[in-house]
Amino acid sequence: MRAQPLMDEFNRAGSIQRILLRYIQAMMTQMSQTAVYNRRHSAGQQLWRWLLLTLDRMQSNELIGTQE
């Protein structure tokens, strides 16, 4: 199979495919960074990272929890 017909088909998909490929690349990069972070940091540090990421996604700046 020649590469040029394959590239023509790939390019024909247009902007939606490029957007999806960028999204997939960003997700894979984030997963790789998380794996490295989890390997190098303690469970407590990982918990703080998770809490901060959760707080970034919330509308309020308040987390309510218990010590249990």
PDB file of N, CA and C in Angstrom:
ATOM      1  N   MET A   1       0.847  -1.186   0.000  1.00  0.00           N
ATOM      2  CA  MET A   1       0.000   0.000   0.000  1.00  0.00           C
ATOM      3  C   MET A   1       0.887   1.243   0.000  1.00  0.00           C
ATOM      4  N   ARG A   2       0.587   2.149  -0.881  1.00  0.00           N
ATOM      5  CA  ARG A   2       1.366   3.378  -0.966  1.00  0.00           C
ATOM      6  C   ARG A   2       0.889   4.367   0.085  1.00  0.00           C
ATOM      7  N   ALA A   3       1.798   5.212   0.541  1.00  0.00           N
ATOM      8  CA  ALA A   3       1.490   6.154   1.624  1.00  0.00           C
ATOM      9  C   ALA A   3       0.604   7.304   1.152  1.00  0.00           C
ATOM     10  N   GLN A   4       0.746   7.725  -0.082  1.00  0.00           N
ATOM     11  CA  GLN A   4       0.003   8.909  -0.538  1.00  0.00           C
ATOM     12  C   GLN A   4      -1.518   8.719  -0.512  1.00  0.00           C
ATOM     13  N   PRO A   5      -2.084   7.628  -1.005  1.00  0.00           N
ATOM     14  CA  PRO A   5      -3.537   7.468  -0.900  1.00  0.00           C
ATOM     15  C   PRO A   5      -4.012   7.440   0.557  1.00  0.00           C
ATOM     16  N   LEU A   6      -3.211   6.861   1.423  1.00  0.00           N
ATOM     17  CA  LEU A   6      -3.557   6.837   2.835  1.00  0.00           C
ATOM     18  C   LEU A   6      -3.579   8.249   3.412  1.00  0.00           C
ATOM     19  N   MET A   7      -2.601   9.068   3.061  1.00  0.00           N
ATOM     20  CA  MET A   7      -2.553  10.449   3.540  1.00  0.00           C
ATOM     21  C   MET A   7      -3.705  11.263   2.960  1.00  0.00           C
ATOM     22  N   ASP A   8      -4.083  10.992   1.720  1.00  0.00           N
ATOM     23  CA  ASP A   8      -5.214  11.704   1.119  1.00  0.00           C
ATOM     24  C   ASP A   8      -6.496  11.423   1.902  1.00  0.00           C
ATOM     25  N   GLU A   9      -6.708  10.163   2.266  1.00  0.00           N
ATOM     26  CA  GLU A   9      -7.893   9.806   3.060  1.00  0.00           C
ATOM     27  C   GLU A   9      -7.837  10.461   4.426  1.00  0.00           C
ATOM     28  N   PHE A  10      -6.669  10.461   5.022  1.00  0.00           N
ATOM     29  CA  PHE A  10      -6.505  11.073   6.336  1.00  0.00           C
ATOM     30  C   PHE A  10      -6.809  12.568   6.284  1.00  0.00           C
ATOM     31  N   ASN A  11      -6.312  13.247   5.287  1.00  0.00           N
ATOM     32  CA  ASN A  11      -6.517  14.694   5.156  1.00  0.00           C
ATOM     33  C   ASN A  11      -7.959  15.046   4.789  1.00  0.00           C
ATOM     34  N   ARG A  12      -8.669  14.140   4.168  1.00  0.00           N
ATOM     35  CA  ARG A  12     -10.033  14.401   3.746  1.00  0.00           C
ATOM     36  C   ARG A  12     -10.999  14.522   4.933  1.00  0.00           C
ATOM     37  N   ALA A  13     -10.638  13.950   6.069  1.00  0.00           N
ATOM     38  CA  ALA A  13     -11.511  13.967   7.243  1.00  0.00           C
ATOM     39  C   ALA A  13     -11.726  15.380   7.773  1.00  0.00           C
ATOM     40  N   GLY A  14     -10.794  16.272   7.555  1.00  0.00           N
ATOM     41  CA  GLY A  14     -10.999  17.670   7.883  1.00  0.00           C
ATOM     42  C   GLY A  14     -10.730  18.055   9.321  1.00  0.00           C
ATOM     43  N   SER A  15     -11.334  19.175   9.688  1.00  0.00           N
ATOM     44  CA  SER A  15     -11.014  19.812  10.961  1.00  0.00           C
ATOM     45  C   SER A  15     -11.493  19.016  12.167  1.00  0.00           C
ATOM     46  N   ILE A  16     -12.591  18.297  12.053  1.00  0.00           N
ATOM     47  CA  ILE A  16     -13.079  17.527  13.199  1.00  0.00           C
ATOM     48  C   ILE A  16     -12.054  16.469  13.601  1.00  0.00           C
ATOM     49  N   GLN A  17     -11.481  15.809  12.632  1.00  0.00           N
ATOM     50  CA  GLN A  17     -10.482  14.795  12.952  1.00  0.00           C
ATOM     51  C   GLN A  17      -9.256  15.432  13.605  1.00  0.00           C
ATOM     52  N   ARG A  18      -8.831  16.587  13.124  1.00  0.00           N
ATOM     53  CA  ARG A  18      -7.684  17.262  13.728  1.00  0.00           C
ATOM     54  C   ARG A  18      -7.979  17.644  15.178  1.00  0.00           C
ATOM     55  N   ILE A  19      -9.192  18.118  15.435  1.00  0.00           N
ATOM     56  CA  ILE A  19      -9.583  18.480  16.805  1.00  0.00           C
ATOM     57  C   ILE A  19      -9.577  17.243  17.697  1.00  0.00           C
ATOM     58  N   LEU A  20     -10.136  16.151  17.206  1.00  0.00           N
ATOM     59  CA  LEU A  20     -10.156  14.913  17.995  1.00  0.00           C
ATOM     60  C   LEU A  20      -8.749  14.386  18.253  1.00  0.00           C
ATOM     61  N   LEU A  21      -7.881  14.475  17.265  1.00  0.00           N
ATOM     62  CA  LEU A  21      -6.504  14.028  17.464  1.00  0.00           C
ATOM     63  C   LEU A  21      -5.780  14.897  18.488  1.00  0.00           C
ATOM     64  N   ARG A  22      -6.013  16.189  18.478  1.00  0.00           N
ATOM     65  CA  ARG A  22      -5.410  17.074  19.487  1.00  0.00           C
ATOM     66  C   ARG A  22      -5.928  16.727  20.875  1.00  0.00           C
ATOM     67  N   TYR A  23      -7.231  16.439  20.980  1.00  0.00           N
ATOM     68  CA  TYR A  23      -7.817  16.061  22.264  1.00  0.00           C
ATOM     69  C   TYR A  23      -7.186  14.766  22.773  1.00  0.00           C
ATOM     70  N   ILE A  24      -7.052  13.781  21.905  1.00  0.00           N
ATOM     71  CA  ILE A  24      -6.449  12.501  22.285  1.00  0.00           C
ATOM     72  C   ILE A  24      -5.002  12.714  22.728  1.00  0.00           C
ATOM     73  N   GLN A  25      -4.273  13.541  22.014  1.00  0.00           N
ATOM     74  CA  GLN A  25      -2.891  13.826  22.385  1.00  0.00           C
ATOM     75  C   GLN A  25      -2.830  14.488  23.761  1.00  0.00           C
ATOM     76  N   ALA A  26      -3.709  15.440  24.022  1.00  0.00           N
ATOM     77  CA  ALA A  26      -3.735  16.112  25.325  1.00  0.00           C
ATOM     78  C   ALA A  26      -4.065  15.123  26.438  1.00  0.00           C
ATOM     79  N   MET A  27      -5.024  14.234  26.203  1.00  0.00           N
ATOM     80  CA  MET A  27      -5.395  13.244  27.211  1.00  0.00           C
ATOM     81  C   MET A  27      -4.245  12.275  27.485  1.00  0.00           C
ATOM     82  N   MET A  28      -3.562  11.829  26.452  1.00  0.00           N
ATOM     83  CA  MET A  28      -2.440  10.915  26.633  1.00  0.00           C
ATOM     84  C   MET A  28      -1.296  11.600  27.380  1.00  0.00           C
ATOM     85  N   THR A  29      -1.057  12.870  27.080  1.00  0.00           N
ATOM     86  CA  THR A  29      -0.030  13.619  27.789  1.00  0.00           C
ATOM     87  C   THR A  29      -0.387  13.746  29.264  1.00  0.00           C
ATOM     88  N   GLN A  30      -1.646  14.072  29.552  1.00  0.00           N
ATOM     89  CA  GLN A  30      -2.090  14.204  30.936  1.00  0.00           C
ATOM     90  C   GLN A  30      -1.982  12.872  31.676  1.00  0.00           C
ATOM     91  N   MET A  31      -2.347  11.776  31.036  1.00  0.00           N
ATOM     92  CA  MET A  31      -2.248  10.465  31.673  1.00  0.00           C
ATOM     93  C   MET A  31      -0.792  10.108  31.965  1.00  0.00           C
ATOM     94  N   SER A  32       0.104  10.433  31.043  1.00  0.00           N
ATOM     95  CA  SER A  32       1.527  10.160  31.245  1.00  0.00           C
ATOM     96  C   SER A  32       2.076  10.976  32.407  1.00  0.00           C
ATOM     97  N   GLN A  33       1.706  12.252  32.463  1.00  0.00           N
ATOM     98  CA  GLN A  33       2.173  13.100  33.545  1.00  0.00           C
ATOM     99  C   GLN A  33       1.635  12.621  34.888  1.00  0.00           C
ATOM    100  N   THR A  34       0.387  12.188  34.919  1.00  0.00           N
ATOM    101  CA  THR A  34      -0.200  11.671  36.153  1.00  0.00           C
ATOM    102  C   THR A  34       0.526  10.410  36.607  1.00  0.00           C
ATOM    103  N   ALA A  35       0.852   9.521  35.680  1.00  0.00           N
ATOM    104  CA  ALA A  35       1.561   8.295  36.027  1.00  0.00           C
ATOM    105  C   ALA A  35       2.931   8.602  36.628  1.00  0.00           C
ATOM    106  N   VAL A  36       3.646   9.539  36.033  1.00  0.00           N
ATOM    107  CA  VAL A  36       4.955   9.925  36.567  1.00  0.00           C
ATOM    108  C   VAL A  36       4.795  10.563  37.942  1.00  0.00           C
ATOM    109  N   TYR A  37       3.811  11.442  38.090  1.00  0.00           N
ATOM    110  CA  TYR A  37       3.564  12.103  39.372  1.00  0.00           C
ATOM    111  C   TYR A  37       3.263  11.068  40.455  1.00  0.00           C
ATOM    112  N   ASN A  38       2.387  10.117  40.143  1.00  0.00           N
ATOM    113  CA  ASN A  38       2.005   9.108  41.128  1.00  0.00           C
ATOM    114  C   ASN A  38       3.181   8.222  41.533  1.00  0.00           C
ATOM    115  N   ARG A  39       4.091   8.019  40.624  1.00  0.00           N
ATOM    116  CA  ARG A  39       5.270   7.190  40.916  1.00  0.00           C
ATOM    117  C   ARG A  39       6.233   7.912  41.849  1.00  0.00           C
ATOM    118  N   ARG A  40       6.328   9.225  41.722  1.00  0.00           N
ATOM    119  CA  ARG A  40       7.347   9.983  42.448  1.00  0.00           C
ATOM    120  C   ARG A  40       6.856  10.656  43.723  1.00  0.00           C
ATOM    121  N   HIS A  41       5.567  10.637  43.994  1.00  0.00           N
ATOM    122  CA  HIS A  41       5.035  11.353  45.148  1.00  0.00           C
ATOM    123  C   HIS A  41       4.296  10.417  46.094  1.00  0.00           C
ATOM    124  N   SER A  42       4.255  10.826  47.357  1.00  0.00           N
ATOM    125  CA  SER A  42       3.603  10.013  48.386  1.00  0.00           C
ATOM    126  C   SER A  42       2.089  10.035  48.204  1.00  0.00           C
ATOM    127  N   ALA A  43       1.421   9.147  48.942  1.00  0.00           N
ATOM    128  CA  ALA A  43      -0.043   9.082  48.875  1.00  0.00           C
ATOM    129  C   ALA A  43      -0.663  10.398  49.350  1.00  0.00           C
ATOM    130  N   GLY A  44      -0.085  11.021  50.363  1.00  0.00           N
ATOM    131  CA  GLY A  44      -0.593  12.304  50.849  1.00  0.00           C
ATOM    132  C   GLY A  44      -0.485  13.404  49.801  1.00  0.00           C
ATOM    133  N   GLN A  45       0.642  13.450  49.107  1.00  0.00           N
ATOM    134  CA  GLN A  45       0.814  14.434  48.041  1.00  0.00           C
ATOM    135  C   GLN A  45      -0.153  14.176  46.893  1.00  0.00           C
ATOM    136  N   GLN A  46      -0.390  12.904  46.589  1.00  0.00           N
ATOM    137  CA  GLN A  46      -1.337  12.564  45.531  1.00  0.00           C
ATOM    138  C   GLN A  46      -2.749  12.990  45.918  1.00  0.00           C
ATOM    139  N   LEU A  47      -3.097  12.817  47.205  1.00  0.00           N
ATOM    140  CA  LEU A  47      -4.412  13.237  47.679  1.00  0.00           C
ATOM    141  C   LEU A  47      -4.577  14.738  47.535  1.00  0.00           C
ATOM    142  N   TRP A  48      -3.547  15.510  47.926  1.00  0.00           N
ATOM    143  CA  TRP A  48      -3.628  16.972  47.792  1.00  0.00           C
ATOM    144  C   TRP A  48      -3.777  17.382  46.328  1.00  0.00           C
ATOM    145  N   ARG A  49      -3.058  16.710  45.440  1.00  0.00           N
ATOM    146  CA  ARG A  49      -3.180  17.015  44.013  1.00  0.00           C
ATOM    147  C   ARG A  49      -4.597  16.748  43.532  1.00  0.00           C
ATOM    148  N   TRP A  50      -5.149  15.603  43.947  1.00  0.00           N
ATOM    149  CA  TRP A  50      -6.515  15.255  43.553  1.00  0.00           C
ATOM    150  C   TRP A  50      -7.507  16.287  44.080  1.00  0.00           C
ATOM    151  N   LEU A  51      -7.343  16.707  45.337  1.00  0.00           N
ATOM    152  CA  LEU A  51      -8.237  17.714  45.912  1.00  0.00           C
ATOM    153  C   LEU A  51      -8.146  19.041  45.160  1.00  0.00           C
ATOM    154  N   LEU A  52      -6.930  19.458  44.827  1.00  0.00           N
ATOM    155  CA  LEU A  52      -6.769  20.718  44.088  1.00  0.00           C
ATOM    156  C   LEU A  52      -7.368  20.627  42.688  1.00  0.00           C
ATOM    157  N   LEU A  53      -7.191  19.498  42.011  1.00  0.00           N
ATOM    158  CA  LEU A  53      -7.793  19.321  40.689  1.00  0.00           C
ATOM    159  C   LEU A  53      -9.315  19.347  40.781  1.00  0.00           C
ATOM    160  N   THR A  54      -9.852  18.715  41.842  1.00  0.00           N
ATOM    161  CA  THR A  54     -11.300  18.727  42.047  1.00  0.00           C
ATOM    162  C   THR A  54     -11.796  20.142  42.307  1.00  0.00           C
ATOM    163  N   LEU A  55     -11.075  20.881  43.125  1.00  0.00           N
ATOM    164  CA  LEU A  55     -11.447  22.257  43.437  1.00  0.00           C
ATOM    165  C   LEU A  55     -11.440  23.129  42.178  1.00  0.00           C
ATOM    166  N   ASP A  56     -10.489  22.897  41.280  1.00  0.00           N
ATOM    167  CA  ASP A  56     -10.429  23.647  40.018  1.00  0.00           C
ATOM    168  C   ASP A  56     -11.683  23.439  39.178  1.00  0.00           C
ATOM    169  N   ARG A  57     -12.301  22.278  39.302  1.00  0.00           N
ATOM    170  CA  ARG A  57     -13.469  21.950  38.481  1.00  0.00           C
ATOM    171  C   ARG A  57     -14.800  22.336  39.129  1.00  0.00           C
ATOM    172  N   MET A  58     -14.741  22.815  40.371  1.00  0.00           N
ATOM    173  CA  MET A  58     -15.962  23.190  41.089  1.00  0.00           C
ATOM    174  C   MET A  58     -16.253  24.672  40.902  1.00  0.00           C
ATOM    175  N   GLN A  59     -17.510  25.038  41.074  1.00  0.00           N
ATOM    176  CA  GLN A  59     -17.896  26.438  40.942  1.00  0.00           C
ATOM    177  C   GLN A  59     -17.563  27.241  42.194  1.00  0.00           C
ATOM    178  N   SER A  60     -17.539  26.601  43.349  1.00  0.00           N
ATOM    179  CA  SER A  60     -17.206  27.310  44.584  1.00  0.00           C
ATOM    180  C   SER A  60     -15.747  27.024  44.949  1.00  0.00           C
ATOM    181  N   ASN A  61     -15.223  27.782  45.877  1.00  0.00           N
ATOM    182  CA  ASN A  61     -13.856  27.580  46.354  1.00  0.00           C
ATOM    183  C   ASN A  61     -13.841  26.910  47.715  1.00  0.00           C
ATOM    184  N   GLU A  62     -14.848  26.105  48.016  1.00  0.00           N
ATOM    185  CA  GLU A  62     -14.979  25.497  49.336  1.00  0.00           C
ATOM    186  C   GLU A  62     -15.155  23.994  49.210  1.00  0.00           C
ATOM    187  N   LEU A  63     -14.328  23.269  49.929  1.00  0.00           N
ATOM    188  CA  LEU A  63     -14.455  21.814  50.031  1.00  0.00           C
ATOM    189  C   LEU A  63     -14.888  21.482  51.446  1.00  0.00           C
ATOM    190  N   ILE A  64     -15.897  20.674  51.599  1.00  0.00           N
ATOM    191  CA  ILE A  64     -16.391  20.279  52.908  1.00  0.00           C
ATOM    192  C   ILE A  64     -16.077  18.811  53.101  1.00  0.00           C
ATOM    193  N   GLY A  65     -15.453  18.482  54.238  1.00  0.00           N
ATOM    194  CA  GLY A  65     -15.113  17.093  54.499  1.00  0.00           C
ATOM    195  C   GLY A  65     -14.996  16.832  55.977  1.00  0.00           C
ATOM    196  N   THR A  66     -14.764  15.567  56.300  1.00  0.00           N
ATOM    197  CA  THR A  66     -14.560  15.157  57.693  1.00  0.00           C
ATOM    198  C   THR A  66     -13.229  14.442  57.797  1.00  0.00           C
ATOM    199  N   GLN A  67     -12.826  14.117  58.997  1.00  0.00           N
ATOM    200  CA  GLN A  67     -11.567  13.392  59.209  1.00  0.00           C
ATOM    201  C   GLN A  67     -11.767  11.887  59.232  1.00  0.00           C
ATOM    202  N   GLU A  68     -12.971  11.419  59.066  1.00  0.00           N
ATOM    203  CA  GLU A  68     -13.241   9.976  59.106  1.00  0.00           C
ATOM    204  C   GLU A  68     -12.666   9.263  57.920  1.00  0.00           C
TER     205      GLU A  68
END
